[in-house]
Amino acid sequence: MTKFGELISSRIPTLIDFYTEWEGESNNLHPILRDVAAALGDKAKVVKIDVAKNETLAEALRIKGNPTFIIYKDGEMKWRQTGHQDANTLISLVQQYL
């Protein structure tokens, strides 16, 4: 969890997608997240975390549904939502914390 602490303590917003590989629909999010990352450039980070490979972290954050998106800035959770989001929505949300 040390790496996670370093990840979320960034001064720039970090959008994290908690997903599972076995969910077919999560693969549809890859292009959306690529678009979000491209639109935000170096102003924000976009990270994917596989819940199955990070069970302890997922439990600690009470991740119950997939995908779950969380935005962190300066170590503080700013926004959280479970369920699919489109690229424009995610970009707008992250831009609020730039």
PDB file of N, CA and C in Angstrom:
ATOM      1  N   MET A   1       0.815  -1.202   0.000  1.00  0.00           N
ATOM      2  CA  MET A   1       0.000   0.000   0.000  1.00  0.00           C
ATOM      3  C   MET A   1       0.855   1.262   0.000  1.00  0.00           C
ATOM      4  N   THR A   2       2.143   1.091   0.228  1.00  0.00           N
ATOM      5  CA  THR A   2       3.030   2.250   0.203  1.00  0.00           C
ATOM      6  C   THR A   2       3.014   2.910  -1.158  1.00  0.00           C
ATOM      7  N   LYS A   3       3.046   2.114  -2.212  1.00  0.00           N
ATOM      8  CA  LYS A   3       3.012   2.665  -3.560  1.00  0.00           C
ATOM      9  C   LYS A   3       1.703   3.405  -3.806  1.00  0.00           C
ATOM     10  N   PHE A   4       0.607   2.877  -3.277  1.00  0.00           N
ATOM     11  CA  PHE A   4      -0.677   3.543  -3.444  1.00  0.00           C
ATOM     12  C   PHE A   4      -0.646   4.891  -2.742  1.00  0.00           C
ATOM     13  N   GLY A   5      -0.078   4.950  -1.555  1.00  0.00           N
ATOM     14  CA  GLY A   5       0.033   6.212  -0.827  1.00  0.00           C
ATOM     15  C   GLY A   5       0.817   7.244  -1.608  1.00  0.00           C
ATOM     16  N   GLU A   6       1.895   6.801  -2.242  1.00  0.00           N
ATOM     17  CA  GLU A   6       2.685   7.709  -3.072  1.00  0.00           C
ATOM     18  C   GLU A   6       1.882   8.168  -4.285  1.00  0.00           C
ATOM     19  N   LEU A   7       1.124   7.252  -4.866  1.00  0.00           N
ATOM     20  CA  LEU A   7       0.322   7.555  -6.048  1.00  0.00           C
ATOM     21  C   LEU A   7      -0.718   8.637  -5.771  1.00  0.00           C
ATOM     22  N   ILE A   8      -1.441   8.499  -4.667  1.00  0.00           N
ATOM     23  CA  ILE A   8      -2.539   9.433  -4.396  1.00  0.00           C
ATOM     24  C   ILE A   8      -2.089  10.737  -3.752  1.00  0.00           C
ATOM     25  N   SER A   9      -0.852  10.790  -3.287  1.00  0.00           N
ATOM     26  CA  SER A   9      -0.393  12.014  -2.623  1.00  0.00           C
ATOM     27  C   SER A   9       0.109  13.060  -3.616  1.00  0.00           C
ATOM     28  N   SER A  10      -0.044  12.791  -4.874  1.00  0.00           N
ATOM     29  CA  SER A  10       0.405  13.705  -5.920  1.00  0.00           C
ATOM     30  C   SER A  10      -0.326  15.048  -5.834  1.00  0.00           C
ATOM     31  N   ARG A  11       0.368  16.106  -6.244  1.00  0.00           N
ATOM     32  CA  ARG A  11      -0.237  17.446  -6.254  1.00  0.00           C
ATOM     33  C   ARG A  11      -1.163  17.625  -7.449  1.00  0.00           C
ATOM     34  N   ILE A  12      -1.044  16.738  -8.434  1.00  0.00           N
ATOM     35  CA  ILE A  12      -1.967  16.788  -9.565  1.00  0.00           C
ATOM     36  C   ILE A  12      -3.047  15.731  -9.352  1.00  0.00           C
ATOM     37  N   PRO A  13      -4.240  15.938  -9.880  1.00  0.00           N
ATOM     38  CA  PRO A  13      -5.310  14.959  -9.677  1.00  0.00           C
ATOM     39  C   PRO A  13      -4.944  13.602 -10.273  1.00  0.00           C
ATOM     40  N   THR A  14      -5.373  12.550  -9.591  1.00  0.00           N
ATOM     41  CA  THR A  14      -5.162  11.190 -10.054  1.00  0.00           C
ATOM     42  C   THR A  14      -6.515  10.502 -10.151  1.00  0.00           C
ATOM     43  N   LEU A  15      -6.885  10.119 -11.371  1.00  0.00           N
ATOM     44  CA  LEU A  15      -8.120   9.368 -11.606  1.00  0.00           C
ATOM     45  C   LEU A  15      -7.755   7.895 -11.613  1.00  0.00           C
ATOM     46  N   ILE A  16      -8.400   7.131 -10.733  1.00  0.00           N
ATOM     47  CA  ILE A  16      -8.128   5.698 -10.652  1.00  0.00           C
ATOM     48  C   ILE A  16      -9.376   4.931 -11.053  1.00  0.00           C
ATOM     49  N   ASP A  17      -9.187   3.973 -11.949  1.00  0.00           N
ATOM     50  CA  ASP A  17     -10.246   3.063 -12.369  1.00  0.00           C
ATOM     51  C   ASP A  17      -9.978   1.720 -11.711  1.00  0.00           C
ATOM     52  N   PHE A  18     -10.826   1.332 -10.761  1.00  0.00           N
ATOM     53  CA  PHE A  18     -10.740   0.010 -10.156  1.00  0.00           C
ATOM     54  C   PHE A  18     -11.614  -0.912 -10.993  1.00  0.00           C
ATOM     55  N   TYR A  19     -11.015  -1.941 -11.571  1.00  0.00           N
ATOM     56  CA  TYR A  19     -11.719  -2.800 -12.514  1.00  0.00           C
ATOM     57  C   TYR A  19     -11.342  -4.257 -12.272  1.00  0.00           C
ATOM     58  N   THR A  20     -12.013  -5.161 -12.993  1.00  0.00           N
ATOM     59  CA  THR A  20     -11.633  -6.566 -12.998  1.00  0.00           C
ATOM     60  C   THR A  20     -11.523  -7.023 -14.437  1.00  0.00           C
ATOM     61  N   GLU A  21     -10.513  -7.816 -14.722  1.00  0.00           N
ATOM     62  CA  GLU A  21     -10.291  -8.323 -16.077  1.00  0.00           C
ATOM     63  C   GLU A  21     -11.411  -9.249 -16.526  1.00  0.00           C
ATOM     64  N   TRP A  22     -12.003  -9.992 -15.605  1.00  0.00           N
ATOM     65  CA  TRP A  22     -13.006 -10.973 -15.994  1.00  0.00           C
ATOM     66  C   TRP A  22     -14.334 -10.347 -16.393  1.00  0.00           C
ATOM     67  N   GLU A  23     -14.512  -9.085 -16.146  1.00  0.00           N
ATOM     68  CA  GLU A  23     -15.739  -8.403 -16.583  1.00  0.00           C
ATOM     69  C   GLU A  23     -15.537  -7.935 -18.007  1.00  0.00           C
ATOM     70  N   GLY A  24     -16.294  -8.504 -18.924  1.00  0.00           N
ATOM     71  CA  GLY A  24     -16.156  -8.170 -20.332  1.00  0.00           C
ATOM     72  C   GLY A  24     -16.309  -6.688 -20.614  1.00  0.00           C
ATOM     73  N   GLU A  25     -17.214  -6.035 -19.902  1.00  0.00           N
ATOM     74  CA  GLU A  25     -17.470  -4.618 -20.153  1.00  0.00           C
ATOM     75  C   GLU A  25     -16.296  -3.734 -19.757  1.00  0.00           C
ATOM     76  N   SER A  26     -15.465  -4.199 -18.833  1.00  0.00           N
ATOM     77  CA  SER A  26     -14.344  -3.349 -18.406  1.00  0.00           C
ATOM     78  C   SER A  26     -13.358  -3.133 -19.550  1.00  0.00           C
ATOM     79  N   ASN A  27     -13.295  -4.070 -20.478  1.00  0.00           N
ATOM     80  CA  ASN A  27     -12.411  -3.901 -21.625  1.00  0.00           C
ATOM     81  C   ASN A  27     -12.870  -2.752 -22.518  1.00  0.00           C
ATOM     82  N   ASN A  28     -14.156  -2.437 -22.481  1.00  0.00           N
ATOM     83  CA  ASN A  28     -14.678  -1.316 -23.263  1.00  0.00           C
ATOM     84  C   ASN A  28     -14.177   0.024 -22.718  1.00  0.00           C
ATOM     85  N   LEU A  29     -13.713   0.041 -21.477  1.00  0.00           N
ATOM     86  CA  LEU A  29     -13.254   1.282 -20.860  1.00  0.00           C
ATOM     87  C   LEU A  29     -11.834   1.655 -21.274  1.00  0.00           C
ATOM     88  N   HIS A  30     -11.075   0.707 -21.780  1.00  0.00           N
ATOM     89  CA  HIS A  30      -9.690   1.013 -22.153  1.00  0.00           C
ATOM     90  C   HIS A  30      -9.609   2.198 -23.115  1.00  0.00           C
ATOM     91  N   PRO A  31     -10.377   2.216 -24.216  1.00  0.00           N
ATOM     92  CA  PRO A  31     -10.303   3.375 -25.123  1.00  0.00           C
ATOM     93  C   PRO A  31     -10.779   4.664 -24.458  1.00  0.00           C
ATOM     94  N   ILE A  32     -11.771   4.581 -23.588  1.00  0.00           N
ATOM     95  CA  ILE A  32     -12.289   5.765 -22.899  1.00  0.00           C
ATOM     96  C   ILE A  32     -11.196   6.353 -22.012  1.00  0.00           C
ATOM     97  N   LEU A  33     -10.515   5.507 -21.261  1.00  0.00           N
ATOM     98  CA  LEU A  33      -9.455   5.990 -20.365  1.00  0.00           C
ATOM     99  C   LEU A  33      -8.261   6.524 -21.149  1.00  0.00           C
ATOM    100  N   ARG A  34      -7.985   5.919 -22.298  1.00  0.00           N
ATOM    101  CA  ARG A  34      -6.922   6.454 -23.162  1.00  0.00           C
ATOM    102  C   ARG A  34      -7.277   7.861 -23.622  1.00  0.00           C
ATOM    103  N   ASP A  35      -8.556   8.065 -23.992  1.00  0.00           N
ATOM    104  CA  ASP A  35      -9.006   9.392 -24.417  1.00  0.00           C
ATOM    105  C   ASP A  35      -8.900  10.399 -23.273  1.00  0.00           C
ATOM    106  N   VAL A  36      -9.278   9.977 -22.077  1.00  0.00           N
ATOM    107  CA  VAL A  36      -9.196  10.854 -20.902  1.00  0.00           C
ATOM    108  C   VAL A  36      -7.744  11.235 -20.647  1.00  0.00           C
ATOM    109  N   ALA A  37      -6.856  10.245 -20.654  1.00  0.00           N
ATOM    110  CA  ALA A  37      -5.438  10.506 -20.407  1.00  0.00           C
ATOM    111  C   ALA A  37      -4.866  11.438 -21.477  1.00  0.00           C
ATOM    112  N   ALA A  38      -5.249  11.233 -22.725  1.00  0.00           N
ATOM    113  CA  ALA A  38      -4.748  12.078 -23.811  1.00  0.00           C
ATOM    114  C   ALA A  38      -5.250  13.510 -23.666  1.00  0.00           C
ATOM    115  N   ALA A  39      -6.509  13.658 -23.286  1.00  0.00           N
ATOM    116  CA  ALA A  39      -7.091  14.999 -23.154  1.00  0.00           C
ATOM    117  C   ALA A  39      -6.470  15.769 -21.986  1.00  0.00           C
ATOM    118  N   LEU A  40      -6.145  15.076 -20.917  1.00  0.00           N
ATOM    119  CA  LEU A  40      -5.610  15.744 -19.725  1.00  0.00           C
ATOM    120  C   LEU A  40      -4.099  15.930 -19.789  1.00  0.00           C
ATOM    121  N   GLY A  41      -3.432  15.135 -20.584  1.00  0.00           N
ATOM    122  CA  GLY A  41      -1.983  15.248 -20.720  1.00  0.00           C
ATOM    123  C   GLY A  41      -1.274  15.092 -19.393  1.00  0.00           C
ATOM    124  N   ASP A  42      -0.297  15.967 -19.145  1.00  0.00           N
ATOM    125  CA  ASP A  42       0.474  15.870 -17.908  1.00  0.00           C
ATOM    126  C   ASP A  42      -0.148  16.655 -16.759  1.00  0.00           C
ATOM    127  N   LYS A  43      -1.374  17.131 -16.943  1.00  0.00           N
ATOM    128  CA  LYS A  43      -2.070  17.865 -15.881  1.00  0.00           C
ATOM    129  C   LYS A  43      -2.684  16.928 -14.844  1.00  0.00           C
ATOM    130  N   ALA A  44      -2.823  15.646 -15.201  1.00  0.00           N
ATOM    131  CA  ALA A  44      -3.431  14.666 -14.304  1.00  0.00           C
ATOM    132  C   ALA A  44      -2.893  13.283 -14.637  1.00  0.00           C
ATOM    133  N   LYS A  45      -3.075  12.358 -13.699  1.00  0.00           N
ATOM    134  CA  LYS A  45      -2.697  10.962 -13.919  1.00  0.00           C
ATOM    135  C   LYS A  45      -3.972  10.150 -14.084  1.00  0.00           C
ATOM    136  N   VAL A  46      -3.908   9.149 -14.949  1.00  0.00           N
ATOM    137  CA  VAL A  46      -4.999   8.192 -15.107  1.00  0.00           C
ATOM    138  C   VAL A  46      -4.398   6.816 -14.879  1.00  0.00           C
ATOM    139  N   VAL A  47      -4.951   6.088 -13.898  1.00  0.00           N
ATOM    140  CA  VAL A  47      -4.381   4.811 -13.478  1.00  0.00           C
ATOM    141  C   VAL A  47      -5.479   3.764 -13.421  1.00  0.00           C
ATOM    142  N   LYS A  48      -5.140   2.547 -13.847  1.00  0.00           N
ATOM    143  CA  LYS A  48      -6.063   1.419 -13.731  1.00  0.00           C
ATOM    144  C   LYS A  48      -5.510   0.474 -12.675  1.00  0.00           C
ATOM    145  N   ILE A  49      -6.380   0.004 -11.785  1.00  0.00           N
ATOM    146  CA  ILE A  49      -5.969  -0.962 -10.763  1.00  0.00           C
ATOM    147  C   ILE A  49      -6.913  -2.152 -10.824  1.00  0.00           C
ATOM    148  N   ASP A  50      -6.347  -3.322 -11.057  1.00  0.00           N
ATOM    149  CA  ASP A  50      -7.112  -4.567 -11.128  1.00  0.00           C
ATOM    150  C   ASP A  50      -7.461  -5.000  -9.700  1.00  0.00           C
ATOM    151  N   VAL A  51      -8.749  -5.078  -9.417  1.00  0.00           N
ATOM    152  CA  VAL A  51      -9.218  -5.421  -8.077  1.00  0.00           C
ATOM    153  C   VAL A  51      -8.769  -6.827  -7.680  1.00  0.00           C
ATOM    154  N   ALA A  52      -8.793  -7.760  -8.620  1.00  0.00           N
ATOM    155  CA  ALA A  52      -8.413  -9.149  -8.322  1.00  0.00           C
ATOM    156  C   ALA A  52      -6.946  -9.256  -7.923  1.00  0.00           C
ATOM    157  N   LYS A  53      -6.101  -8.406  -8.459  1.00  0.00           N
ATOM    158  CA  LYS A  53      -4.670  -8.447  -8.146  1.00  0.00           C
ATOM    159  C   LYS A  53      -4.316  -7.568  -6.951  1.00  0.00           C
ATOM    160  N   ASN A  54      -5.268  -6.781  -6.481  1.00  0.00           N
ATOM    161  CA  ASN A  54      -5.033  -5.854  -5.363  1.00  0.00           C
ATOM    162  C   ASN A  54      -6.187  -5.943  -4.366  1.00  0.00           C
ATOM    163  N   GLU A  55      -6.465  -7.160  -3.925  1.00  0.00           N
ATOM    164  CA  GLU A  55      -7.631  -7.407  -3.068  1.00  0.00           C
ATOM    165  C   GLU A  55      -7.575  -6.646  -1.746  1.00  0.00           C
ATOM    166  N   THR A  56      -6.398  -6.561  -1.140  1.00  0.00           N
ATOM    167  CA  THR A  56      -6.267  -5.871   0.143  1.00  0.00           C
ATOM    168  C   THR A  56      -6.623  -4.397  -0.010  1.00  0.00           C
ATOM    169  N   LEU A  57      -6.109  -3.780  -1.047  1.00  0.00           N
ATOM    170  CA  LEU A  57      -6.415  -2.376  -1.312  1.00  0.00           C
ATOM    171  C   LEU A  57      -7.901  -2.192  -1.600  1.00  0.00           C
ATOM    172  N   ALA A  58      -8.470  -3.061  -2.441  1.00  0.00           N
ATOM    173  CA  ALA A  58      -9.888  -2.970  -2.784  1.00  0.00           C
ATOM    174  C   ALA A  58     -10.762  -3.110  -1.543  1.00  0.00           C
ATOM    175  N   GLU A  59     -10.383  -4.014  -0.648  1.00  0.00           N
ATOM    176  CA  GLU A  59     -11.123  -4.180   0.606  1.00  0.00           C
ATOM    177  C   GLU A  59     -11.016  -2.940   1.473  1.00  0.00           C
ATOM    178  N   ALA A  60      -9.809  -2.399   1.585  1.00  0.00           N
ATOM    179  CA  ALA A  60      -9.584  -1.224   2.427  1.00  0.00           C
ATOM    180  C   ALA A  60     -10.404  -0.029   1.925  1.00  0.00           C
ATOM    181  N   LEU A  61     -10.568   0.068   0.607  1.00  0.00           N
ATOM    182  CA  LEU A  61     -11.322   1.180   0.026  1.00  0.00           C
ATOM    183  C   LEU A  61     -12.802   0.848  -0.166  1.00  0.00           C
ATOM    184  N   ARG A  62     -13.186  -0.362   0.241  1.00  0.00           N
ATOM    185  CA  ARG A  62     -14.568  -0.832   0.121  1.00  0.00           C
ATOM    186  C   ARG A  62     -15.075  -0.754  -1.325  1.00  0.00           C
ATOM    187  N   ILE A  63     -14.269  -1.253  -2.241  1.00  0.00           N
ATOM    188  CA  ILE A  63     -14.666  -1.301  -3.640  1.00  0.00           C
ATOM    189  C   ILE A  63     -15.631  -2.471  -3.782  1.00  0.00           C
ATOM    190  N   LYS A  64     -16.881  -2.192  -4.098  1.00  0.00           N
ATOM    191  CA  LYS A  64     -17.907  -3.238  -4.183  1.00  0.00           C
ATOM    192  C   LYS A  64     -18.348  -3.492  -5.619  1.00  0.00           C
ATOM    193  N   GLY A  65     -18.332  -2.466  -6.458  1.00  0.00           N
ATOM    194  CA  GLY A  65     -18.788  -2.614  -7.831  1.00  0.00           C
ATOM    195  C   GLY A  65     -17.700  -2.229  -8.799  1.00  0.00           C
ATOM    196  N   ASN A  66     -17.825  -2.732 -10.002  1.00  0.00           N
ATOM    197  CA  ASN A  66     -16.839  -2.429 -11.028  1.00  0.00           C
ATOM    198  C   ASN A  66     -17.529  -1.901 -12.280  1.00  0.00           C
ATOM    199  N   PRO A  67     -16.980  -0.904 -12.877  1.00  0.00           N
ATOM    200  CA  PRO A  67     -15.803  -0.171 -12.433  1.00  0.00           C
ATOM    201  C   PRO A  67     -16.156   0.825 -11.328  1.00  0.00           C
ATOM    202  N   THR A  68     -15.182   1.136 -10.502  1.00  0.00           N
ATOM    203  CA  THR A  68     -15.309   2.219  -9.525  1.00  0.00           C
ATOM    204  C   THR A  68     -14.213   3.221  -9.846  1.00  0.00           C
ATOM    205  N   PHE A  69     -14.617   4.459 -10.019  1.00  0.00           N
ATOM    206  CA  PHE A  69     -13.678   5.537 -10.315  1.00  0.00           C
ATOM    207  C   PHE A  69     -13.504   6.393  -9.074  1.00  0.00           C
ATOM    208  N   ILE A  70     -12.252   6.750  -8.770  1.00  0.00           N
ATOM    209  CA  ILE A  70     -11.968   7.642  -7.650  1.00  0.00           C
ATOM    210  C   ILE A  70     -10.956   8.678  -8.117  1.00  0.00           C
ATOM    211  N   ILE A  71     -11.191   9.929  -7.731  1.00  0.00           N
ATOM    212  CA  ILE A  71     -10.222  10.992  -7.995  1.00  0.00           C
ATOM    213  C   ILE A  71      -9.591  11.389  -6.668  1.00  0.00           C
ATOM    214  N   TYR A  72      -8.254  11.371  -6.641  1.00  0.00           N
ATOM    215  CA  TYR A  72      -7.486  11.809  -5.480  1.00  0.00           C
ATOM    216  C   TYR A  72      -6.654  13.022  -5.863  1.00  0.00           C
ATOM    217  N   LYS A  73      -6.410  13.869  -4.889  1.00  0.00           N
ATOM    218  CA  LYS A  73      -5.462  14.974  -5.043  1.00  0.00           C
ATOM    219  C   LYS A  73      -4.887  15.271  -3.668  1.00  0.00           C
ATOM    220  N   ASP A  74      -3.580  15.411  -3.585  1.00  0.00           N
ATOM    221  CA  ASP A  74      -2.891  15.678  -2.310  1.00  0.00           C
ATOM    222  C   ASP A  74      -3.270  14.671  -1.233  1.00  0.00           C
ATOM    223  N   GLY A  75      -3.462  13.407  -1.630  1.00  0.00           N
ATOM    224  CA  GLY A  75      -3.762  12.353  -0.675  1.00  0.00           C
ATOM    225  C   GLY A  75      -5.204  12.298  -0.206  1.00  0.00           C
ATOM    226  N   GLU A  76      -6.048  13.141  -0.742  1.00  0.00           N
ATOM    227  CA  GLU A  76      -7.445  13.221  -0.302  1.00  0.00           C
ATOM    228  C   GLU A  76      -8.381  12.783  -1.429  1.00  0.00           C
ATOM    229  N   MET A  77      -9.355  11.926  -1.080  1.00  0.00           N
ATOM    230  CA  MET A  77     -10.351  11.516  -2.051  1.00  0.00           C
ATOM    231  C   MET A  77     -11.271  12.702  -2.341  1.00  0.00           C
ATOM    232  N   LYS A  78     -11.376  13.062  -3.611  1.00  0.00           N
ATOM    233  CA  LYS A  78     -12.189  14.210  -4.006  1.00  0.00           C
ATOM    234  C   LYS A  78     -13.536  13.802  -4.593  1.00  0.00           C
ATOM    235  N   TRP A  79     -13.568  12.631  -5.250  1.00  0.00           N
ATOM    236  CA  TRP A  79     -14.788  12.181  -5.921  1.00  0.00           C
ATOM    237  C   TRP A  79     -14.733  10.677  -6.078  1.00  0.00           C
ATOM    238  N   ARG A  80     -15.892  10.040  -6.025  1.00  0.00           N
ATOM    239  CA  ARG A  80     -15.969   8.584  -6.176  1.00  0.00           C
ATOM    240  C   ARG A  80     -17.303   8.223  -6.795  1.00  0.00           C
ATOM    241  N   GLN A  81     -17.268   7.284  -7.751  1.00  0.00           N
ATOM    242  CA  GLN A  81     -18.503   6.849  -8.406  1.00  0.00           C
ATOM    243  C   GLN A  81     -18.311   5.430  -8.918  1.00  0.00           C
ATOM    244  N   THR A  82     -19.306   4.596  -8.717  1.00  0.00           N
ATOM    245  CA  THR A  82     -19.295   3.250  -9.270  1.00  0.00           C
ATOM    246  C   THR A  82     -20.201   3.231 -10.487  1.00  0.00           C
ATOM    247  N   GLY A  83     -19.746   2.592 -11.543  1.00  0.00           N
ATOM    248  CA  GLY A  83     -20.529   2.488 -12.773  1.00  0.00           C
ATOM    249  C   GLY A  83     -19.817   3.175 -13.921  1.00  0.00           C
ATOM    250  N   HIS A  84     -20.246   2.842 -15.097  1.00  0.00           N
ATOM    251  CA  HIS A  84     -19.596   3.357 -16.305  1.00  0.00           C
ATOM    252  C   HIS A  84     -19.780   4.863 -16.448  1.00  0.00           C
ATOM    253  N   GLN A  85     -18.732   5.508 -16.932  1.00  0.00           N
ATOM    254  CA  GLN A  85     -18.723   6.949 -17.177  1.00  0.00           C
ATOM    255  C   GLN A  85     -18.170   7.158 -18.582  1.00  0.00           C
ATOM    256  N   ASP A  86     -18.632   8.195 -19.264  1.00  0.00           N
ATOM    257  CA  ASP A  86     -18.063   8.476 -20.576  1.00  0.00           C
ATOM    258  C   ASP A  86     -16.842   9.377 -20.422  1.00  0.00           C
ATOM    259  N   ALA A  87     -16.056   9.477 -21.488  1.00  0.00           N
ATOM    260  CA  ALA A  87     -14.793  10.222 -21.440  1.00  0.00           C
ATOM    261  C   ALA A  87     -15.017  11.683 -21.079  1.00  0.00           C
ATOM    262  N   ASN A  88     -16.010  12.329 -21.682  1.00  0.00           N
ATOM    263  CA  ASN A  88     -16.248  13.751 -21.420  1.00  0.00           C
ATOM    264  C   ASN A  88     -16.590  14.010 -19.957  1.00  0.00           C
ATOM    265  N   THR A  89     -17.370  13.128 -19.363  1.00  0.00           N
ATOM    266  CA  THR A  89     -17.726  13.276 -17.950  1.00  0.00           C
ATOM    267  C   THR A  89     -16.478  13.162 -17.081  1.00  0.00           C
ATOM    268  N   LEU A  90     -15.663  12.154 -17.338  1.00  0.00           N
ATOM    269  CA  LEU A  90     -14.454  11.958 -16.532  1.00  0.00           C
ATOM    270  C   LEU A  90     -13.482  13.127 -16.703  1.00  0.00           C
ATOM    271  N   ILE A  91     -13.337  13.615 -17.932  1.00  0.00           N
ATOM    272  CA  ILE A  91     -12.451  14.757 -18.169  1.00  0.00           C
ATOM    273  C   ILE A  91     -12.938  15.974 -17.394  1.00  0.00           C
ATOM    274  N   SER A  92     -14.231  16.257 -17.468  1.00  0.00           N
ATOM    275  CA  SER A  92     -14.797  17.411 -16.748  1.00  0.00           C
ATOM    276  C   SER A  92     -14.605  17.282 -15.247  1.00  0.00           C
ATOM    277  N   LEU A  93     -14.799  16.096 -14.719  1.00  0.00           N
ATOM    278  CA  LEU A  93     -14.647  15.882 -13.281  1.00  0.00           C
ATOM    279  C   LEU A  93     -13.203  16.127 -12.839  1.00  0.00           C
ATOM    280  N   VAL A  94     -12.251  15.580 -13.570  1.00  0.00           N
ATOM    281  CA  VAL A  94     -10.849  15.750 -13.204  1.00  0.00           C
ATOM    282  C   VAL A  94     -10.447  17.221 -13.325  1.00  0.00           C
ATOM    283  N   GLN A  95     -10.938  17.909 -14.348  1.00  0.00           N
ATOM    284  CA  GLN A  95     -10.584  19.308 -14.560  1.00  0.00           C
ATOM    285  C   GLN A  95     -11.014  20.198 -13.395  1.00  0.00           C
ATOM    286  N   GLN A  96     -12.019  19.780 -12.659  1.00  0.00           N
ATOM    287  CA  GLN A  96     -12.447  20.565 -11.482  1.00  0.00           C
ATOM    288  C   GLN A  96     -11.348  20.650 -10.427  1.00  0.00           C
ATOM    289  N   TYR A  97     -10.410  19.716 -10.442  1.00  0.00           N
ATOM    290  CA  TYR A  97      -9.389  19.632  -9.401  1.00  0.00           C
ATOM    291  C   TYR A  97      -8.001  20.020  -9.893  1.00  0.00           C
ATOM    292  N   LEU A  98      -7.919  20.608 -11.096  1.00  0.00           N
ATOM    293  CA  LEU A  98      -6.613  21.032 -11.627  1.00  0.00           C
ATOM    294  C   LEU A  98      -6.122  22.259 -10.912  1.00  0.00           C
TER     295      LEU A  98
END
